[in-house]
Amino acid sequence: MNGVLNETTNKIHRHESGRSDFQTTCGATAHVAHDHLRLISIERAVTEADVTKCGRCFADGSGY
């Protein structure tokens, strides 16, 4: 499953299913410039990088 990574905060969000671009379940990235966001596998992001999960998008996440 792909998520939306905010490269400024190193936080991964759940990608809004069926939506294009970088729309997330929580909406936290709605006002973030697209050049700071990228689609990436959630599993890859949390295992290969210093990334945290969004607390609104994931039960085991933290923060906004």
Protein backbone atom coordinates (compact mmCIF):
# COMPACT_ATOMS: atom_id res chain seq x y z
CA MET A 1 0.00 0.00 0.00
CA ASN A 2 1.31 3.45 -0.89
CA GLY A 3 1.35 6.39 1.43
CA VAL A 4 2.15 10.06 1.05
CA LEU A 5 5.47 11.05 2.57
CA ASN A 6 5.91 14.64 3.71
CA GLU A 7 9.65 15.00 3.18
CA THR A 8 9.79 18.14 5.34
CA THR A 9 8.43 16.46 8.48
CA ASN A 10 9.37 12.84 7.60
CA LYS A 11 5.82 11.77 8.37
CA ILE A 12 3.94 9.20 6.28
CA HIS A 13 0.19 9.54 5.73
CA ARG A 14 -2.33 7.08 4.32
CA HIS A 15 -3.05 7.90 0.67
CA GLU A 16 -6.75 8.56 0.08
CA SER A 17 -7.96 5.50 -1.82
CA GLY A 18 -9.27 6.27 -5.29
CA ARG A 19 -7.93 9.82 -5.26
CA SER A 20 -5.21 11.28 -7.41
CA ASP A 21 -2.25 13.41 -6.42
CA PHE A 22 -1.23 13.50 -2.78
CA GLN A 23 -4.59 13.54 -1.00
CA THR A 24 -4.48 11.83 2.37
CA THR A 25 -7.07 10.32 4.69
CA CYS A 26 -6.40 12.95 7.38
CA GLY A 27 -6.07 15.93 5.02
CA ALA A 28 -2.89 17.15 6.73
CA THR A 29 -1.03 17.52 3.44
CA ALA A 30 -3.69 19.57 1.67
CA HIS A 31 -1.69 22.79 1.97
CA VAL A 32 1.80 21.33 1.52
CA ALA A 33 3.58 22.08 -1.76
CA HIS A 34 3.70 19.01 -3.98
CA ASP A 35 7.48 19.25 -4.32
CA HIS A 36 7.71 18.30 -0.61
CA LEU A 37 5.50 15.21 -1.02
CA ARG A 38 5.98 11.85 -2.69
CA LEU A 39 4.13 8.57 -3.00
CA ILE A 40 6.03 5.68 -1.44
CA SER A 41 5.29 2.25 -0.05
CA ILE A 42 4.35 2.63 3.62
CA GLU A 43 6.32 -0.47 4.60
CA ARG A 44 9.42 0.76 2.78
CA ALA A 45 9.20 4.24 4.28
CA VAL A 46 9.05 3.09 7.90
CA THR A 47 11.76 0.44 7.54
CA GLU A 48 14.31 2.24 5.34
CA ALA A 49 14.04 5.82 6.53
CA ASP A 50 13.62 7.84 9.72
CA VAL A 51 9.88 8.19 9.12
CA THR A 52 7.00 8.24 11.59
CA LYS A 53 3.38 7.41 10.87
CA CYS A 54 0.63 10.01 11.15
CA GLY A 55 -1.51 9.49 14.26
CA ARG A 56 -4.70 10.37 12.39
CA CYS A 57 -4.03 7.93 9.56
CA PHE A 58 -2.63 5.01 11.54
CA ALA A 59 -3.59 3.54 14.91
CA ASP A 60 0.09 2.98 15.72
CA GLY A 61 1.11 6.47 14.57
CA SER A 62 1.94 9.61 16.48
CA GLY A 63 1.30 13.32 16.11
CA TYR A 64 -1.06 14.95 13.70
